[in-house]
Amino acid sequence: MKWLSALVLVVVVGVQASPVAETRDLQKRALPKGMDVSGWQPGINWNTVKANGIEFAYIKATEGTTYTNPEFSSQYVGATNIGIIRGGYHFARPDVSSGATQANFFLAHGGGWSADGRTLPGALDIEYNPYGATCFGLSAASMVNWIRDFSNTYHAATTRYPIIYSTTDWWKTCTGNSAAFASTNPLWIARYSSAIGTLPAGWAFTTFWQYADSGAVPGDQDYFNGDSAGLKRFVSST
């Protein structure tokens, strides 16, 4: 996978968090720190990760309908054993199969969710296509339908809607800036800057912010928009 000014915290209620105030720009201090990793980060020392204050981790599980992260099991178990809240993410390939097909592949290879207090709901990583067309050859309407197919399939299997990870630029370009998911799917925005900036249509706040692609721990660097208690409520809510 390749974003904080006046202090604003949110209270997590149900699937989404309810913002106390405008949350497009947040302050980094006191927010739970996280990371996201893939097969490009083998051999992670999870004791060091924990010592650096990481409270949650997203781990790449799958891509498309054929790829599974060979490091997923060791990364997931490593995070679990050290007490870090963890979950899987799926890199979307809307050009190769339906959303439902990919959601089921993700669910079968580490992307599930349970209300055990330590499992993040699965995340759909949908962003710039590293293999070709920016929008994977889909129209904005077709892209929205693809995301909805993935999201509804995941929700039917887990009772949770998947987190949507993207950038505002890609979302505007490839979905026509659709607001169709803002009331159901938590947002994970990627922006490497001192402030999050404009969010995709419909979302008044972001639940996660990927603010850098490197830092004190392996992989990308993230924040949860809330406090540690809120993060725990978020992973347990149905």
Protein backbone atom coordinates (compact mmCIF):
# COMPACT_ATOMS: atom_id res chain seq x y z
CA MET A 1 0.00 0.00 0.00
CA LYS A 2 1.46 2.58 -1.08
CA TRP A 3 -2.51 11.58 6.66
CA LEU A 4 -3.37 16.00 11.99
CA SER A 5 -3.66 20.55 13.24
CA ALA A 6 -6.19 21.11 16.17
CA LEU A 7 -6.58 18.12 18.43
CA VAL A 8 -9.75 16.28 17.51
CA LEU A 9 -10.74 12.90 18.84
CA VAL A 10 -13.70 10.80 17.81
CA VAL A 11 -15.94 8.43 19.72
CA VAL A 12 -16.48 5.11 18.04
CA VAL A 13 -20.08 4.01 17.89
CA GLY A 14 -21.06 0.92 15.93
CA VAL A 15 -19.21 0.55 12.67
CA GLN A 16 -18.34 4.19 12.23
CA ALA A 17 -17.03 6.80 14.62
CA SER A 18 -19.00 9.94 15.38
CA PRO A 19 -16.82 13.04 15.00
CA VAL A 20 -16.83 15.50 17.86
CA ALA A 21 -15.83 18.19 15.39
CA GLU A 22 -14.32 18.61 11.93
CA THR A 23 -11.75 15.84 11.52
CA ARG A 24 -10.05 16.49 8.20
CA ASP A 25 -7.02 17.82 10.03
CA LEU A 26 -6.05 16.10 13.24
CA GLN A 27 -3.17 16.34 15.67
CA LYS A 28 -0.80 13.40 15.82
CA ARG A 29 -0.09 13.42 19.52
CA ALA A 30 -2.00 10.92 21.65
CA LEU A 31 -3.56 9.08 18.71
CA PRO A 32 -3.02 5.30 18.54
CA LYS A 33 -0.18 4.51 16.15
CA GLY A 34 -0.35 1.74 13.60
CA MET A 35 1.37 0.26 10.60
CA ASP A 36 0.52 -1.70 7.50
CA VAL A 37 2.77 -4.30 5.94
CA SER A 38 2.91 -6.82 3.12
CA GLY A 39 5.22 -9.48 1.75
CA TRP A 40 7.81 -6.74 1.22
CA GLN A 41 8.45 -6.65 5.00
CA PRO A 42 9.63 -10.14 6.02
CA GLY A 43 11.19 -10.96 9.37
CA ILE A 44 9.50 -8.23 11.42
CA ASN A 45 10.68 -7.97 15.02
CA TRP A 46 7.31 -7.50 16.69
CA ASN A 47 8.86 -6.83 20.11
CA THR A 48 10.57 -3.78 18.62
CA VAL A 49 7.33 -2.77 16.92
CA LYS A 50 5.51 -2.94 20.25
CA ALA A 51 8.29 -0.98 21.96
CA ASN A 52 7.77 1.77 19.38
CA GLY A 53 4.19 2.20 20.56
CA ILE A 54 2.33 0.46 17.75
CA GLU A 55 -1.21 -0.54 18.78
CA PHE A 56 -2.60 -1.90 15.53
CA ALA A 57 -1.43 -3.41 12.26
CA TYR A 58 -3.00 -4.11 8.90
CA ILE A 59 -1.40 -6.97 7.01
CA LYS A 60 -1.81 -7.70 3.32
CA ALA A 61 -3.57 -11.01 2.90
CA THR A 62 -4.58 -11.21 -0.74
CA GLU A 63 -4.64 -9.56 -4.14
CA GLY A 64 -7.05 -10.25 -6.95
CA THR A 65 -8.06 -13.91 -7.01
CA THR A 66 -4.71 -15.70 -7.08
CA TYR A 67 -2.15 -13.95 -4.84
CA THR A 68 -1.73 -14.64 -1.15
CA ASN A 69 0.97 -12.93 0.92
CA PRO A 70 3.58 -15.59 1.82
CA GLU A 71 4.45 -13.61 4.96
CA PHE A 72 0.86 -13.22 6.13
CA SER A 73 0.74 -16.04 8.64
CA SER A 74 4.00 -15.15 10.37
CA GLN A 75 3.12 -11.44 10.41
CA TYR A 76 -0.40 -12.05 11.72
CA VAL A 77 0.76 -14.47 14.42
CA GLY A 78 3.65 -12.20 15.36
CA ALA A 79 1.33 -9.25 15.90
CA THR A 80 -1.14 -11.43 17.79
CA ASN A 81 1.46 -12.88 20.13
CA ILE A 82 2.71 -9.44 21.19
CA GLY A 83 -0.80 -8.10 21.81
CA ILE A 84 -1.18 -5.83 18.79
CA ILE A 85 -4.66 -5.47 17.30
CA ARG A 86 -4.45 -6.76 13.75
CA GLY A 87 -6.42 -7.40 10.58
CA GLY A 88 -6.01 -8.21 6.92
CA TYR A 89 -6.35 -6.15 3.77
CA HIS A 90 -7.07 -7.06 0.17
CA PHE A 91 -5.52 -5.30 -2.82
CA ALA A 92 -8.34 -4.85 -5.30
CA ARG A 93 -8.05 -5.93 -8.93
CA PRO A 94 -11.39 -4.90 -10.46
CA ASP A 95 -10.02 -5.82 -13.88
CA VAL A 96 -9.77 -9.56 -13.20
CA SER A 97 -12.99 -10.64 -11.46
CA SER A 98 -16.11 -9.48 -9.66
CA GLY A 99 -16.07 -7.80 -6.27
CA ALA A 100 -17.90 -10.76 -4.73
CA THR A 101 -15.33 -13.22 -6.06
CA GLN A 102 -12.48 -11.23 -4.56
CA ALA A 103 -14.26 -10.71 -1.24
CA ASN A 104 -14.73 -14.46 -0.92
CA PHE A 105 -11.08 -15.08 -1.84
CA PHE A 106 -10.05 -12.56 0.83
CA LEU A 107 -12.33 -14.17 3.42
CA ALA A 108 -10.88 -17.59 2.66
CA HIS A 109 -7.28 -16.43 3.09
CA GLY A 110 -7.07 -14.38 6.27
CA GLY A 111 -9.52 -11.55 5.74
CA GLY A 112 -12.23 -12.60 8.16
CA TRP A 113 -13.43 -10.76 11.24
CA SER A 114 -14.64 -11.85 14.67
CA ALA A 115 -15.76 -9.86 17.70
CA ASP A 116 -12.82 -11.02 19.82
CA GLY A 117 -11.57 -7.54 20.66
CA ARG A 118 -8.34 -7.88 18.70
CA THR A 119 -9.37 -8.30 15.05
CA LEU A 120 -9.79 -5.32 12.77
CA PRO A 121 -12.46 -5.59 10.10
CA GLY A 122 -10.97 -6.38 6.72
CA ALA A 123 -9.86 -3.51 4.50
CA LEU A 124 -10.32 -3.07 0.76
CA ASP A 125 -7.23 -1.41 -0.68
CA ILE A 126 -8.42 0.24 -3.89
CA GLU A 127 -6.01 2.69 -5.47
CA TYR A 128 -3.81 3.39 -8.45
CA ASN A 129 -3.37 0.34 -10.66
CA PRO A 130 0.32 -0.67 -10.77
CA TYR A 131 -0.32 -2.91 -13.77
CA GLY A 132 -2.13 -0.65 -16.23
CA ALA A 133 -5.12 1.69 -16.50
CA THR A 134 -5.61 4.01 -13.50
CA CYS A 135 -9.23 2.90 -13.11
CA PHE A 136 -8.65 -0.71 -14.12
CA GLY A 137 -10.58 -0.12 -17.33
CA LEU A 138 -13.89 0.52 -15.51
CA SER A 139 -16.24 3.45 -15.79
CA ALA A 140 -17.07 5.35 -12.59
CA ALA A 141 -20.47 3.65 -12.36
CA SER A 142 -18.95 0.21 -12.89
CA MET A 143 -16.29 0.90 -10.25
CA VAL A 144 -18.93 1.89 -7.70
CA ASN A 145 -20.83 -1.31 -8.49
CA TRP A 146 -17.65 -3.36 -8.11
CA ILE A 147 -16.89 -1.86 -4.70
CA ARG A 148 -20.49 -2.36 -3.60
CA ASP A 149 -20.32 -6.02 -4.67
CA PHE A 150 -17.17 -6.55 -2.59
CA SER A 151 -18.52 -4.61 0.37
CA ASN A 152 -21.91 -6.31 0.51
CA THR A 153 -20.36 -9.78 0.17
CA TYR A 154 -17.94 -9.08 3.01
CA HIS A 155 -20.73 -7.66 5.19
CA ALA A 156 -22.97 -10.67 4.58
CA ALA A 157 -20.21 -12.98 5.78
CA THR A 158 -18.97 -11.00 8.79
CA THR A 159 -21.66 -8.41 9.78
CA ARG A 160 -18.98 -5.72 9.28
CA TYR A 161 -18.51 -3.50 6.26
CA PRO A 162 -14.91 -3.46 5.08
CA ILE A 163 -12.72 -0.42 5.61
CA ILE A 164 -12.12 1.40 2.34
CA TYR A 165 -8.50 2.45 1.81
CA SER A 166 -7.83 4.92 -0.99
CA THR A 167 -6.66 8.41 -1.90
CA THR A 168 -9.01 11.31 -2.50
CA ASP A 169 -7.55 11.83 -5.96
CA TRP A 170 -8.09 8.24 -7.07
CA TRP A 171 -11.59 8.19 -5.56
CA LYS A 172 -12.61 11.32 -7.46
CA THR A 173 -11.08 10.05 -10.68
CA CYS A 174 -12.34 6.47 -10.63
CA THR A 175 -15.68 6.59 -8.78
CA GLY A 176 -16.77 10.07 -9.84
CA ASN A 177 -16.35 11.01 -6.15
CA SER A 178 -19.17 8.73 -5.11
CA ALA A 179 -20.71 9.26 -1.66
CA ALA A 180 -22.38 5.84 -1.75
CA PHE A 181 -20.23 4.26 0.98
CA ALA A 182 -19.82 7.04 3.53
CA SER A 183 -22.69 5.89 5.75
CA THR A 184 -21.54 2.27 5.92
CA ASN A 185 -17.82 1.85 5.30
CA PRO A 186 -15.15 3.41 7.53
CA LEU A 187 -12.55 5.36 5.56
CA TRP A 188 -8.80 4.87 5.60
CA ILE A 189 -7.27 7.76 3.73
CA ALA A 190 -3.73 7.79 2.36
CA ARG A 191 -2.01 11.16 2.18
CA TYR A 192 1.66 11.81 2.91
CA SER A 193 1.43 15.34 4.23
CA SER A 194 1.13 17.33 7.45
CA ALA A 195 -2.65 17.43 6.99
CA ILE A 196 -5.23 15.11 5.52
CA GLY A 197 -6.86 17.70 3.30
CA THR A 198 -10.10 17.15 1.42
CA LEU A 199 -11.78 13.79 1.92
CA PRO A 200 -13.82 11.86 -0.65
CA ALA A 201 -17.49 12.83 -0.94
CA GLY A 202 -19.77 11.93 1.95
CA TRP A 203 -17.14 11.19 4.58
CA ALA A 204 -16.90 13.91 7.23
CA PHE A 205 -13.93 12.22 8.87
CA THR A 206 -11.47 9.40 8.35
CA THR A 207 -11.13 6.45 10.73
CA PHE A 208 -7.52 5.71 9.75
CA TRP A 209 -4.85 7.91 8.20
CA GLN A 210 -1.82 6.52 6.40
CA TYR A 211 0.49 9.51 6.70
CA ALA A 212 3.89 8.12 5.60
CA ASP A 213 5.39 5.19 3.74
CA SER A 214 8.31 4.79 6.13
CA GLY A 215 9.16 5.52 9.73
CA ALA A 216 10.19 3.96 13.02
CA VAL A 217 8.59 0.63 12.17
CA PRO A 218 8.44 -1.46 8.98
CA GLY A 219 5.93 -0.63 6.27
CA ASP A 220 3.55 2.31 6.09
CA GLN A 221 2.76 4.49 9.10
CA ASP A 222 -0.81 5.06 10.30
CA TYR A 223 -2.99 6.68 12.95
CA PHE A 224 -6.40 5.75 14.30
CA ASN A 225 -8.71 8.74 14.66
CA GLY A 226 -9.64 8.33 18.30
CA ASP A 227 -8.10 7.02 21.51
CA SER A 228 -7.00 3.54 22.56
CA ALA A 229 -10.34 2.79 24.18
CA GLY A 230 -12.09 3.88 21.00
CA LEU A 231 -9.89 1.60 18.93
CA LYS A 232 -10.86 -1.35 21.11
CA ARG A 233 -14.53 -0.49 20.79
CA PHE A 234 -14.13 -0.21 17.04
CA VAL A 235 -12.72 -3.69 16.61
CA SER A 236 -15.41 -5.25 18.81
CA SER A 237 -18.51 -3.48 17.51
CA THR A 238 -21.01 -5.16 15.23
